[in-house]
Amino acid sequence: MRYRHIVFDIDGTMLDTGRADMLATQETFFQLTGEWRAPEEFRFALGIPNSTVFARLGIEDVEEASLMWEENFSKYHPTIRLFDGIVEILKALRELGIYPGIVTSRRRREFNADFAAFGLNHLFGTVICVDDTPRPKPYPDPLLEYLKRVDGVRQETIYIGDTLYDEQCAHAAGVDFALAAWGAHSREGIRADHHLESPGEVLKLVVDDL
């Protein structure tokens, strides 16, 4: 077994939330500024903590904006789906004795409201949300907190995500990074240790003869 700790991002890695994310950001920005922009103008926000997104957009009260975003995001929940193959790979990892982990930029209440609806929580061990550490991705804090809680070894841990922030978080924590190419909107600037074209390829990270 190559990696003993398989840690997943959520948005763009397990859940296809891109459209819902951009629409929620568009609506929140309009409510706060009165300025209407096309959803695609908010693509930069994918995979980035809301506090960072709204700070970049010049919003002063990022806490209020984040709460508004959560409410707007819930309207688009019907558009969210699991990427094909995610359930199967999670079950396969469990059969190998691996309890996958999660490190996400979502708040705990967002995680409980949105991800839990897919009924997969029982397949995971430790979950680190953005409000569990002082600094979010791309800082190493979330993955370092994960390693602390599971008493994990960095060399035996890999983080699977879809954005530059995910990669930077992993490498800053001294952990290998695998790019979830099936959900990544861009590969530019991402220094991945592994490129995975489909969820099924995750097994290559833990089984030597695949």
N, C-alpha and C. Protein backbone atom coordinates (compact mmCIF):
# COMPACT_ATOMS: atom_id res chain seq x y z
N MET A 1 0.85 -1.19 0.00
CA MET A 1 0.00 0.00 0.00
C MET A 1 0.88 1.24 0.00
N ARG A 2 0.65 2.15 -0.94
CA ARG A 2 1.52 3.31 -1.11
C ARG A 2 1.14 4.44 -0.17
N TYR A 3 -0.11 4.88 -0.21
CA TYR A 3 -0.59 5.93 0.70
C TYR A 3 -1.62 5.33 1.66
N ARG A 4 -1.47 5.65 2.92
CA ARG A 4 -2.41 5.13 3.93
C ARG A 4 -3.52 6.13 4.25
N HIS A 5 -3.27 7.40 3.94
CA HIS A 5 -4.27 8.43 4.23
C HIS A 5 -4.64 9.12 2.92
N ILE A 6 -5.87 8.92 2.48
CA ILE A 6 -6.39 9.53 1.25
C ILE A 6 -7.36 10.62 1.67
N VAL A 7 -7.02 11.86 1.35
CA VAL A 7 -7.82 13.01 1.81
C VAL A 7 -8.41 13.71 0.59
N PHE A 8 -9.71 13.93 0.61
CA PHE A 8 -10.42 14.53 -0.52
C PHE A 8 -10.85 15.96 -0.22
N ASP A 9 -10.78 16.80 -1.24
CA ASP A 9 -11.52 18.06 -1.27
C ASP A 9 -12.97 17.70 -1.62
N ILE A 10 -13.88 18.64 -1.48
CA ILE A 10 -15.29 18.37 -1.83
C ILE A 10 -15.66 18.96 -3.18
N ASP A 11 -15.71 20.30 -3.25
CA ASP A 11 -16.21 20.97 -4.45
C ASP A 11 -15.24 20.83 -5.61
N GLY A 12 -15.75 20.32 -6.73
CA GLY A 12 -14.91 20.13 -7.90
C GLY A 12 -14.10 18.85 -7.85
N THR A 13 -14.23 18.12 -6.75
CA THR A 13 -13.50 16.85 -6.60
C THR A 13 -14.48 15.70 -6.40
N MET A 14 -15.36 15.84 -5.42
CA MET A 14 -16.42 14.85 -5.23
C MET A 14 -17.77 15.35 -5.74
N LEU A 15 -18.02 16.64 -5.53
CA LEU A 15 -19.28 17.23 -5.98
C LEU A 15 -19.04 18.20 -7.13
N ASP A 16 -19.90 18.13 -8.14
CA ASP A 16 -19.87 19.09 -9.23
C ASP A 16 -20.74 20.27 -8.83
N THR A 17 -20.10 21.26 -8.22
CA THR A 17 -20.83 22.42 -7.68
C THR A 17 -20.52 23.71 -8.43
N GLY A 18 -19.79 23.61 -9.52
CA GLY A 18 -19.31 24.82 -10.20
C GLY A 18 -20.41 25.79 -10.58
N ARG A 19 -21.46 25.30 -11.21
CA ARG A 19 -22.54 26.18 -11.65
C ARG A 19 -23.24 26.83 -10.47
N ALA A 20 -23.56 26.03 -9.46
CA ALA A 20 -24.23 26.55 -8.27
C ALA A 20 -23.37 27.60 -7.57
N ASP A 21 -22.08 27.34 -7.51
CA ASP A 21 -21.15 28.25 -6.85
C ASP A 21 -21.14 29.61 -7.55
N MET A 22 -21.01 29.59 -8.87
CA MET A 22 -20.94 30.85 -9.62
C MET A 22 -22.25 31.62 -9.55
N LEU A 23 -23.38 30.92 -9.62
CA LEU A 23 -24.68 31.59 -9.55
C LEU A 23 -24.91 32.21 -8.17
N ALA A 24 -24.49 31.51 -7.12
CA ALA A 24 -24.64 32.05 -5.77
C ALA A 24 -23.76 33.28 -5.57
N THR A 25 -22.55 33.24 -6.12
CA THR A 25 -21.66 34.39 -6.00
C THR A 25 -22.19 35.56 -6.81
N GLN A 26 -22.70 35.28 -8.00
CA GLN A 26 -23.31 36.32 -8.83
C GLN A 26 -24.45 37.02 -8.10
N GLU A 27 -25.34 36.22 -7.51
CA GLU A 27 -26.52 36.78 -6.85
C GLU A 27 -26.12 37.58 -5.60
N THR A 28 -25.18 37.05 -4.84
CA THR A 28 -24.74 37.74 -3.63
C THR A 28 -24.07 39.07 -3.97
N PHE A 29 -23.24 39.05 -4.99
CA PHE A 29 -22.55 40.28 -5.40
C PHE A 29 -23.56 41.33 -5.85
N PHE A 30 -24.59 40.90 -6.57
CA PHE A 30 -25.63 41.83 -7.03
C PHE A 30 -26.40 42.42 -5.84
N GLN A 31 -26.72 41.58 -4.87
CA GLN A 31 -27.46 42.05 -3.70
C GLN A 31 -26.66 43.09 -2.91
N LEU A 32 -25.36 42.93 -2.89
CA LEU A 32 -24.51 43.81 -2.09
C LEU A 32 -24.09 45.08 -2.83
N THR A 33 -24.02 45.01 -4.16
CA THR A 33 -23.48 46.14 -4.91
C THR A 33 -24.44 46.73 -5.93
N GLY A 34 -25.47 45.97 -6.31
CA GLY A 34 -26.37 46.41 -7.37
C GLY A 34 -25.78 46.24 -8.75
N GLU A 35 -24.61 45.62 -8.82
CA GLU A 35 -23.93 45.41 -10.11
C GLU A 35 -24.15 43.98 -10.59
N TRP A 36 -24.65 43.85 -11.81
CA TRP A 36 -24.94 42.52 -12.36
C TRP A 36 -23.82 42.10 -13.30
N ARG A 37 -23.22 40.96 -13.00
CA ARG A 37 -22.17 40.41 -13.84
C ARG A 37 -22.55 39.01 -14.28
N ALA A 38 -21.99 38.58 -15.39
CA ALA A 38 -22.26 37.23 -15.88
C ALA A 38 -21.67 36.20 -14.91
N PRO A 39 -22.31 35.05 -14.77
CA PRO A 39 -21.80 34.02 -13.85
C PRO A 39 -20.35 33.65 -14.12
N GLU A 40 -19.95 33.59 -15.38
CA GLU A 40 -18.60 33.17 -15.73
C GLU A 40 -17.54 34.11 -15.16
N GLU A 41 -17.91 35.34 -14.86
CA GLU A 41 -16.95 36.28 -14.29
C GLU A 41 -16.55 35.89 -12.87
N PHE A 42 -17.29 34.95 -12.29
CA PHE A 42 -16.99 34.51 -10.93
C PHE A 42 -16.36 33.12 -10.90
N ARG A 43 -15.89 32.67 -12.05
CA ARG A 43 -15.24 31.36 -12.11
C ARG A 43 -13.99 31.32 -11.23
N PHE A 44 -13.34 32.47 -11.08
CA PHE A 44 -12.13 32.53 -10.26
C PHE A 44 -12.39 32.09 -8.82
N ALA A 45 -13.66 32.17 -8.39
CA ALA A 45 -14.01 31.88 -7.00
C ALA A 45 -14.08 30.39 -6.69
N LEU A 46 -14.06 29.55 -7.70
CA LEU A 46 -14.22 28.12 -7.47
C LEU A 46 -13.07 27.57 -6.64
N GLY A 47 -13.42 26.94 -5.53
CA GLY A 47 -12.41 26.33 -4.68
C GLY A 47 -11.73 27.27 -3.71
N ILE A 48 -12.16 28.53 -3.67
CA ILE A 48 -11.55 29.53 -2.80
C ILE A 48 -12.51 29.84 -1.65
N PRO A 49 -12.02 29.99 -0.42
CA PRO A 49 -12.91 30.34 0.70
C PRO A 49 -13.69 31.62 0.41
N ASN A 50 -14.94 31.65 0.84
CA ASN A 50 -15.79 32.81 0.56
C ASN A 50 -15.21 34.11 1.09
N SER A 51 -14.55 34.05 2.24
CA SER A 51 -13.97 35.27 2.79
C SER A 51 -12.94 35.87 1.84
N THR A 52 -12.18 35.01 1.18
CA THR A 52 -11.19 35.47 0.21
C THR A 52 -11.86 36.01 -1.05
N VAL A 53 -12.89 35.30 -1.51
CA VAL A 53 -13.61 35.72 -2.72
C VAL A 53 -14.17 37.13 -2.56
N PHE A 54 -14.90 37.35 -1.48
CA PHE A 54 -15.57 38.65 -1.33
C PHE A 54 -14.59 39.76 -1.00
N ALA A 55 -13.50 39.43 -0.35
CA ALA A 55 -12.45 40.43 -0.14
C ALA A 55 -11.88 40.88 -1.47
N ARG A 56 -11.67 39.93 -2.38
CA ARG A 56 -11.16 40.27 -3.71
C ARG A 56 -12.15 41.12 -4.49
N LEU A 57 -13.42 40.92 -4.22
CA LEU A 57 -14.46 41.67 -4.92
C LEU A 57 -14.71 43.04 -4.29
N GLY A 58 -13.95 43.35 -3.25
CA GLY A 58 -14.07 44.67 -2.64
C GLY A 58 -15.19 44.80 -1.63
N ILE A 59 -15.71 43.67 -1.16
CA ILE A 59 -16.78 43.69 -0.15
C ILE A 59 -16.15 43.82 1.23
N GLU A 60 -16.57 44.79 2.00
CA GLU A 60 -15.96 45.03 3.30
C GLU A 60 -16.40 44.00 4.35
N ASP A 61 -17.69 43.74 4.44
CA ASP A 61 -18.19 42.80 5.44
C ASP A 61 -18.26 41.41 4.82
N VAL A 62 -17.14 40.71 4.85
CA VAL A 62 -17.09 39.39 4.21
C VAL A 62 -17.89 38.36 4.99
N GLU A 63 -18.07 38.57 6.29
CA GLU A 63 -18.87 37.64 7.08
C GLU A 63 -20.33 37.69 6.65
N GLU A 64 -20.86 38.90 6.51
CA GLU A 64 -22.24 39.05 6.05
C GLU A 64 -22.40 38.48 4.64
N ALA A 65 -21.42 38.77 3.78
CA ALA A 65 -21.48 38.28 2.41
C ALA A 65 -21.47 36.75 2.38
N SER A 66 -20.67 36.14 3.24
CA SER A 66 -20.58 34.69 3.27
C SER A 66 -21.90 34.07 3.71
N LEU A 67 -22.57 34.69 4.67
CA LEU A 67 -23.86 34.19 5.12
C LEU A 67 -24.91 34.31 4.02
N MET A 68 -24.87 35.43 3.30
CA MET A 68 -25.80 35.62 2.18
C MET A 68 -25.52 34.59 1.09
N TRP A 69 -24.24 34.33 0.85
CA TRP A 69 -23.86 33.35 -0.17
C TRP A 69 -24.40 31.97 0.17
N GLU A 70 -24.29 31.58 1.43
CA GLU A 70 -24.79 30.26 1.85
C GLU A 70 -26.28 30.14 1.58
N GLU A 71 -27.03 31.21 1.87
CA GLU A 71 -28.47 31.19 1.63
C GLU A 71 -28.77 31.09 0.14
N ASN A 72 -28.03 31.85 -0.66
CA ASN A 72 -28.24 31.80 -2.11
C ASN A 72 -27.82 30.46 -2.69
N PHE A 73 -26.72 29.92 -2.19
CA PHE A 73 -26.22 28.64 -2.68
C PHE A 73 -27.27 27.54 -2.50
N SER A 74 -27.99 27.60 -1.39
CA SER A 74 -28.99 26.56 -1.10
C SER A 74 -30.08 26.51 -2.17
N LYS A 75 -30.32 27.63 -2.85
CA LYS A 75 -31.34 27.67 -3.90
C LYS A 75 -30.95 26.80 -5.09
N TYR A 76 -29.64 26.65 -5.29
CA TYR A 76 -29.15 25.94 -6.46
C TYR A 76 -28.71 24.51 -6.15
N HIS A 77 -29.06 24.06 -4.95
CA HIS A 77 -28.66 22.71 -4.56
C HIS A 77 -29.15 21.64 -5.54
N PRO A 78 -30.34 21.80 -6.14
CA PRO A 78 -30.79 20.77 -7.10
C PRO A 78 -29.87 20.61 -8.31
N THR A 79 -29.00 21.58 -8.57
CA THR A 79 -28.10 21.47 -9.73
C THR A 79 -26.82 20.71 -9.39
N ILE A 80 -26.61 20.41 -8.11
CA ILE A 80 -25.37 19.76 -7.67
C ILE A 80 -25.49 18.24 -7.83
N ARG A 81 -24.41 17.63 -8.26
CA ARG A 81 -24.41 16.18 -8.40
C ARG A 81 -23.05 15.62 -7.99
N LEU A 82 -23.04 14.36 -7.65
CA LEU A 82 -21.78 13.65 -7.42
C LEU A 82 -21.15 13.33 -8.76
N PHE A 83 -19.84 13.48 -8.85
CA PHE A 83 -19.16 13.04 -10.06
C PHE A 83 -19.28 11.53 -10.19
N ASP A 84 -19.42 11.06 -11.42
CA ASP A 84 -19.51 9.63 -11.67
C ASP A 84 -18.28 8.91 -11.12
N GLY A 85 -18.53 7.82 -10.41
CA GLY A 85 -17.44 7.00 -9.90
C GLY A 85 -17.00 7.31 -8.48
N ILE A 86 -17.50 8.41 -7.91
CA ILE A 86 -17.08 8.79 -6.56
C ILE A 86 -17.54 7.78 -5.51
N VAL A 87 -18.80 7.41 -5.56
CA VAL A 87 -19.33 6.47 -4.57
C VAL A 87 -18.57 5.15 -4.64
N GLU A 88 -18.33 4.69 -5.85
CA GLU A 88 -17.65 3.40 -6.03
C GLU A 88 -16.23 3.43 -5.47
N ILE A 89 -15.51 4.53 -5.69
CA ILE A 89 -14.12 4.57 -5.21
C ILE A 89 -14.08 4.70 -3.69
N LEU A 90 -15.02 5.41 -3.11
CA LEU A 90 -15.06 5.52 -1.65
C LEU A 90 -15.33 4.16 -1.01
N LYS A 91 -16.24 3.40 -1.59
CA LYS A 91 -16.54 2.07 -1.07
C LYS A 91 -15.34 1.14 -1.25
N ALA A 92 -14.65 1.27 -2.38
CA ALA A 92 -13.47 0.44 -2.64
C ALA A 92 -12.37 0.73 -1.62
N LEU A 93 -12.19 1.99 -1.29
CA LEU A 93 -11.18 2.35 -0.29
C LEU A 93 -11.53 1.76 1.07
N ARG A 94 -12.79 1.81 1.42
CA ARG A 94 -13.22 1.23 2.70
C ARG A 94 -12.96 -0.27 2.73
N GLU A 95 -13.18 -0.94 1.60
CA GLU A 95 -12.92 -2.38 1.54
C GLU A 95 -11.45 -2.70 1.72
N LEU A 96 -10.59 -1.73 1.39
CA LEU A 96 -9.15 -1.90 1.57
C LEU A 96 -8.71 -1.49 2.98
N GLY A 97 -9.67 -1.12 3.81
CA GLY A 97 -9.35 -0.73 5.17
C GLY A 97 -8.96 0.72 5.34
N ILE A 98 -9.25 1.54 4.33
CA ILE A 98 -8.90 2.96 4.38
C ILE A 98 -10.15 3.79 4.63
N TYR A 99 -10.10 4.61 5.67
CA TYR A 99 -11.16 5.57 5.93
C TYR A 99 -10.74 6.90 5.31
N PRO A 100 -11.27 7.27 4.16
CA PRO A 100 -10.86 8.54 3.54
C PRO A 100 -11.17 9.72 4.45
N GLY A 101 -10.41 10.79 4.28
CA GLY A 101 -10.65 12.01 5.02
C GLY A 101 -11.12 13.12 4.10
N ILE A 102 -11.52 14.23 4.69
CA ILE A 102 -11.95 15.40 3.93
C ILE A 102 -11.28 16.64 4.50
N VAL A 103 -10.76 17.48 3.61
CA VAL A 103 -10.33 18.84 3.96
C VAL A 103 -11.02 19.77 2.98
N THR A 104 -11.85 20.66 3.49
CA THR A 104 -12.68 21.49 2.62
C THR A 104 -12.66 22.95 3.06
N SER A 105 -12.94 23.83 2.10
CA SER A 105 -13.07 25.26 2.40
C SER A 105 -14.49 25.62 2.82
N ARG A 106 -15.34 24.62 2.94
CA ARG A 106 -16.70 24.87 3.43
C ARG A 106 -16.71 25.01 4.95
N ARG A 107 -17.65 25.81 5.45
CA ARG A 107 -17.87 25.87 6.89
C ARG A 107 -18.55 24.57 7.33
N ARG A 108 -18.45 24.31 8.63
CA ARG A 108 -19.04 23.07 9.15
C ARG A 108 -20.54 23.01 8.88
N ARG A 109 -21.24 24.12 9.05
CA ARG A 109 -22.69 24.08 8.84
C ARG A 109 -23.02 23.88 7.36
N GLU A 110 -22.17 24.40 6.46
CA GLU A 110 -22.37 24.15 5.03
C GLU A 110 -22.18 22.68 4.72
N PHE A 111 -21.12 22.12 5.30
CA PHE A 111 -20.85 20.70 5.10
C PHE A 111 -22.03 19.85 5.56
N ASN A 112 -22.53 20.16 6.74
CA ASN A 112 -23.65 19.39 7.29
C ASN A 112 -24.92 19.56 6.46
N ALA A 113 -25.11 20.75 5.90
CA ALA A 113 -26.33 21.02 5.14
C ALA A 113 -26.28 20.47 3.73
N ASP A 114 -25.12 20.57 3.08
CA ASP A 114 -25.03 20.24 1.66
C ASP A 114 -24.46 18.85 1.39
N PHE A 115 -23.28 18.58 1.91
CA PHE A 115 -22.65 17.30 1.60
C PHE A 115 -23.37 16.13 2.25
N ALA A 116 -23.84 16.34 3.48
CA ALA A 116 -24.50 15.26 4.20
C ALA A 116 -25.74 14.76 3.47
N ALA A 117 -26.33 15.62 2.64
CA ALA A 117 -27.55 15.23 1.92
C ALA A 117 -27.31 14.08 0.95
N PHE A 118 -26.05 13.84 0.59
CA PHE A 118 -25.74 12.76 -0.35
C PHE A 118 -25.54 11.42 0.35
N GLY A 119 -25.61 11.42 1.68
CA GLY A 119 -25.57 10.16 2.42
C GLY A 119 -24.24 9.44 2.40
N LEU A 120 -23.14 10.18 2.34
CA LEU A 120 -21.82 9.55 2.25
C LEU A 120 -20.97 9.73 3.51
N ASN A 121 -21.51 10.42 4.50
CA ASN A 121 -20.70 10.72 5.68
C ASN A 121 -20.12 9.48 6.35
N HIS A 122 -20.86 8.38 6.30
CA HIS A 122 -20.40 7.16 6.98
C HIS A 122 -19.17 6.55 6.32
N LEU A 123 -18.84 7.00 5.12
CA LEU A 123 -17.68 6.46 4.41
C LEU A 123 -16.39 7.18 4.76
N PHE A 124 -16.49 8.24 5.57
CA PHE A 124 -15.33 9.05 5.90
C PHE A 124 -14.96 8.95 7.37
N GLY A 125 -13.69 9.23 7.62
CA GLY A 125 -13.21 9.31 8.98
C GLY A 125 -13.21 10.75 9.45
N THR A 126 -12.07 11.41 9.35
CA THR A 126 -11.90 12.77 9.85
C THR A 126 -12.26 13.80 8.79
N VAL A 127 -12.99 14.84 9.20
CA VAL A 127 -13.40 15.92 8.30
C VAL A 127 -12.92 17.25 8.88
N ILE A 128 -12.13 17.98 8.09
CA ILE A 128 -11.64 19.30 8.50
C ILE A 128 -12.32 20.35 7.65
N CYS A 129 -13.05 21.26 8.30
CA CYS A 129 -13.73 22.36 7.60
C CYS A 129 -12.95 23.66 7.81
N VAL A 130 -13.35 24.68 7.08
CA VAL A 130 -12.59 25.93 7.09
C VAL A 130 -12.59 26.59 8.46
N ASP A 131 -13.62 26.34 9.27
CA ASP A 131 -13.67 26.96 10.59
C ASP A 131 -12.97 26.13 11.66
N ASP A 132 -12.24 25.09 11.26
CA ASP A 132 -11.49 24.28 12.21
C ASP A 132 -10.06 24.76 12.41
N THR A 133 -9.61 25.69 11.56
CA THR A 133 -8.22 26.16 11.65
C THR A 133 -8.16 27.68 11.51
N PRO A 134 -7.10 28.30 12.02
CA PRO A 134 -6.99 29.77 11.93
C PRO A 134 -6.90 30.28 10.50
N ARG A 135 -6.21 29.52 9.64
CA ARG A 135 -6.03 29.96 8.26
C ARG A 135 -6.53 28.88 7.30
N PRO A 136 -7.19 29.29 6.21
CA PRO A 136 -7.72 28.33 5.24
C PRO A 136 -6.67 27.97 4.18
N LYS A 137 -7.06 27.08 3.27
CA LYS A 137 -6.24 26.87 2.08
C LYS A 137 -6.08 28.22 1.37
N PRO A 138 -4.92 28.53 0.82
CA PRO A 138 -3.79 27.66 0.48
C PRO A 138 -2.76 27.46 1.59
N TYR A 139 -3.02 28.00 2.78
CA TYR A 139 -2.11 27.75 3.90
C TYR A 139 -2.16 26.26 4.27
N PRO A 140 -1.13 25.76 4.91
CA PRO A 140 -1.09 24.32 5.23
C PRO A 140 -1.95 23.93 6.42
N ASP A 141 -2.49 24.90 7.15
CA ASP A 141 -3.17 24.63 8.42
C ASP A 141 -4.21 23.51 8.36
N PRO A 142 -5.12 23.49 7.36
CA PRO A 142 -6.15 22.44 7.35
C PRO A 142 -5.57 21.03 7.27
N LEU A 143 -4.58 20.83 6.42
CA LEU A 143 -3.99 19.49 6.31
C LEU A 143 -3.14 19.15 7.52
N LEU A 144 -2.48 20.14 8.09
CA LEU A 144 -1.70 19.89 9.30
C LEU A 144 -2.63 19.49 10.45
N GLU A 145 -3.80 20.11 10.51
CA GLU A 145 -4.79 19.75 11.53
C GLU A 145 -5.29 18.33 11.30
N TYR A 146 -5.50 17.99 10.04
CA TYR A 146 -5.92 16.62 9.72
C TYR A 146 -4.87 15.61 10.20
N LEU A 147 -3.61 15.87 9.86
CA LEU A 147 -2.53 14.96 10.25
C LEU A 147 -2.43 14.83 11.77
N LYS A 148 -2.65 15.93 12.45
CA LYS A 148 -2.61 15.92 13.92
C LYS A 148 -3.71 15.03 14.48
N ARG A 149 -4.90 15.15 13.93
CA ARG A 149 -6.04 14.41 14.48
C ARG A 149 -5.95 12.91 14.21
N VAL A 150 -5.35 12.54 13.08
CA VAL A 150 -5.28 11.11 12.75
C VAL A 150 -3.91 10.52 13.08
N ASP A 151 -3.02 11.36 13.63
CA ASP A 151 -1.65 10.93 13.92
C ASP A 151 -1.01 10.37 12.65
N GLY A 152 -1.19 11.12 11.56
CA GLY A 152 -0.73 10.67 10.26
C GLY A 152 0.70 11.07 9.94
N VAL A 153 1.31 10.31 9.04
CA VAL A 153 2.65 10.58 8.55
C VAL A 153 2.53 11.27 7.19
N ARG A 154 3.24 12.36 7.01
CA ARG A 154 3.10 13.13 5.77
C ARG A 154 3.41 12.30 4.53
N GLN A 155 4.44 11.49 4.61
CA GLN A 155 4.86 10.70 3.45
C GLN A 155 3.84 9.63 3.08
N GLU A 156 2.91 9.33 3.98
CA GLU A 156 1.89 8.32 3.72
C GLU A 156 0.53 8.94 3.41
N THR A 157 0.54 10.26 3.19
CA THR A 157 -0.71 11.00 3.00
C THR A 157 -0.73 11.68 1.64
N ILE A 158 -1.88 11.67 0.99
CA ILE A 158 -2.04 12.40 -0.27
C ILE A 158 -3.37 13.14 -0.25
N TYR A 159 -3.34 14.34 -0.80
CA TYR A 159 -4.54 15.17 -0.87
C TYR A 159 -5.00 15.24 -2.31
N ILE A 160 -6.29 14.99 -2.54
CA ILE A 160 -6.86 14.99 -3.88
C ILE A 160 -7.77 16.20 -4.02
N GLY A 161 -7.45 17.09 -4.97
CA GLY A 161 -8.24 18.29 -5.16
C GLY A 161 -8.19 18.76 -6.60
N ASP A 162 -8.84 19.89 -6.86
CA ASP A 162 -9.00 20.34 -8.25
C ASP A 162 -8.47 21.73 -8.52
N THR A 163 -7.91 22.42 -7.51
CA THR A 163 -7.50 23.80 -7.72
C THR A 163 -6.07 24.06 -7.28
N LEU A 164 -5.57 25.22 -7.67
CA LEU A 164 -4.24 25.64 -7.26
C LEU A 164 -4.15 25.77 -5.75
N TYR A 165 -5.21 26.27 -5.12
CA TYR A 165 -5.21 26.40 -3.66
C TYR A 165 -5.05 25.03 -2.99
N ASP A 166 -5.67 24.00 -3.56
CA ASP A 166 -5.54 22.65 -3.01
C ASP A 166 -4.08 22.19 -3.09
N GLU A 167 -3.49 22.39 -4.25
CA GLU A 167 -2.10 21.98 -4.44
C GLU A 167 -1.16 22.72 -3.51
N GLN A 168 -1.36 24.02 -3.37
CA GLN A 168 -0.48 24.82 -2.52
C GLN A 168 -0.62 24.42 -1.06
N CYS A 169 -1.83 24.12 -0.63
CA CYS A 169 -2.07 23.66 0.73
C CYS A 169 -1.33 22.35 0.99
N ALA A 170 -1.46 21.41 0.06
CA ALA A 170 -0.82 20.10 0.22
C ALA A 170 0.69 20.23 0.32
N HIS A 171 1.29 20.91 -0.63
CA HIS A 171 2.75 20.99 -0.65
C HIS A 171 3.29 21.83 0.51
N ALA A 172 2.54 22.84 0.94
CA ALA A 172 2.98 23.62 2.10
C ALA A 172 2.97 22.77 3.36
N ALA A 173 2.09 21.76 3.38
CA ALA A 173 2.01 20.85 4.53
C ALA A 173 2.96 19.67 4.41
N GLY A 174 3.68 19.60 3.28
CA GLY A 174 4.61 18.50 3.08
C GLY A 174 3.93 17.22 2.64
N VAL A 175 2.76 17.37 2.01
CA VAL A 175 1.95 16.23 1.59
C VAL A 175 1.88 16.19 0.07
N ASP A 176 1.87 15.00 -0.52
CA ASP A 176 1.73 14.88 -1.96
C ASP A 176 0.34 15.32 -2.40
N PHE A 177 0.26 15.73 -3.68
CA PHE A 177 -1.01 16.22 -4.21
C PHE A 177 -1.36 15.50 -5.50
N ALA A 178 -2.64 15.09 -5.60
CA ALA A 178 -3.16 14.48 -6.83
C ALA A 178 -4.24 15.39 -7.40
N LEU A 179 -4.11 15.74 -8.66
CA LEU A 179 -5.09 16.60 -9.31
C LEU A 179 -6.29 15.79 -9.78
N ALA A 180 -7.48 16.17 -9.33
CA ALA A 180 -8.72 15.55 -9.79
C ALA A 180 -9.09 16.19 -11.13
N ALA A 181 -8.49 15.69 -12.19
CA ALA A 181 -8.65 16.33 -13.50
C ALA A 181 -10.09 16.31 -13.99
N TRP A 182 -10.89 15.36 -13.49
CA TRP A 182 -12.29 15.29 -13.93
C TRP A 182 -13.10 16.51 -13.48
N GLY A 183 -12.62 17.23 -12.47
CA GLY A 183 -13.37 18.39 -11.99
C GLY A 183 -12.62 19.70 -12.10
N ALA A 184 -11.34 19.63 -12.48
CA ALA A 184 -10.52 20.84 -12.54
C ALA A 184 -10.92 21.72 -13.72
N HIS A 185 -11.09 23.01 -13.47
CA HIS A 185 -11.42 23.95 -14.54
C HIS A 185 -10.16 24.46 -15.23
N SER A 186 -9.02 24.30 -14.58
CA SER A 186 -7.75 24.72 -15.17
C SER A 186 -6.62 23.94 -14.50
N ARG A 187 -5.60 23.61 -15.30
CA ARG A 187 -4.42 22.94 -14.75
C ARG A 187 -3.23 23.90 -14.69
N GLU A 188 -3.45 25.13 -15.10
CA GLU A 188 -2.37 26.10 -15.19
C GLU A 188 -1.74 26.37 -13.82
N GLY A 189 -0.44 26.21 -13.76
CA GLY A 189 0.31 26.52 -12.54
C GLY A 189 0.24 25.47 -11.46
N ILE A 190 -0.51 24.40 -11.67
CA ILE A 190 -0.67 23.36 -10.65
C ILE A 190 0.43 22.32 -10.78
N ARG A 191 1.20 22.14 -9.73
CA ARG A 191 2.31 21.18 -9.72
C ARG A 191 1.86 19.91 -9.00
N ALA A 192 1.17 19.07 -9.72
CA ALA A 192 0.63 17.85 -9.12
C ALA A 192 1.65 16.72 -9.14
N ASP A 193 1.66 15.94 -8.08
CA ASP A 193 2.50 14.74 -8.03
C ASP A 193 1.86 13.60 -8.81
N HIS A 194 0.54 13.66 -8.92
CA HIS A 194 -0.21 12.66 -9.69
C HIS A 194 -1.35 13.37 -10.40
N HIS A 195 -1.62 12.95 -11.63
CA HIS A 195 -2.77 13.45 -12.39
C HIS A 195 -3.76 12.31 -12.54
N LEU A 196 -4.96 12.50 -12.03
CA LEU A 196 -5.99 11.47 -12.09
C LEU A 196 -7.09 11.93 -13.04
N GLU A 197 -7.33 11.15 -14.08
CA GLU A 197 -8.33 11.53 -15.08
C GLU A 197 -9.73 11.11 -14.69
N SER A 198 -9.86 10.15 -13.79
CA SER A 198 -11.17 9.69 -13.34
C SER A 198 -11.05 9.22 -11.89
N PRO A 199 -12.16 9.22 -11.14
CA PRO A 199 -12.11 8.78 -9.74
C PRO A 199 -11.55 7.37 -9.58
N GLY A 200 -11.80 6.49 -10.54
CA GLY A 200 -11.32 5.13 -10.44
C GLY A 200 -9.81 5.03 -10.33
N GLU A 201 -9.10 6.04 -10.85
CA GLU A 201 -7.64 6.01 -10.81
C GLU A 201 -7.08 6.26 -9.41
N VAL A 202 -7.94 6.63 -8.48
CA VAL A 202 -7.49 6.82 -7.09
C VAL A 202 -6.91 5.52 -6.55
N LEU A 203 -7.42 4.39 -6.99
CA LEU A 203 -6.92 3.10 -6.51
C LEU A 203 -5.44 2.92 -6.80
N LYS A 204 -4.95 3.57 -7.86
CA LYS A 204 -3.53 3.47 -8.19
C LYS A 204 -2.65 4.06 -7.09
N LEU A 205 -3.23 4.90 -6.27
CA LEU A 205 -2.47 5.55 -5.21
C LEU A 205 -2.28 4.64 -4.00
N VAL A 206 -3.07 3.58 -3.93
CA VAL A 206 -3.00 2.72 -2.75
C VAL A 206 -2.65 1.27 -3.06
N VAL A 207 -2.83 0.86 -4.31
CA VAL A 207 -2.55 -0.53 -4.70
C VAL A 207 -1.40 -0.52 -5.70
N ASP A 208 -0.31 -1.18 -5.37
CA ASP A 208 0.91 -1.10 -6.17
C ASP A 208 0.80 -1.72 -7.55
N ASP A 209 -0.01 -2.77 -7.70
CA ASP A 209 0.01 -3.51 -8.96
C ASP A 209 -1.08 -3.08 -9.94
N LEU A 210 -1.68 -1.89 -9.74
CA LEU A 210 -2.67 -1.39 -10.70
C LEU A 210 -2.01 -0.51 -11.74
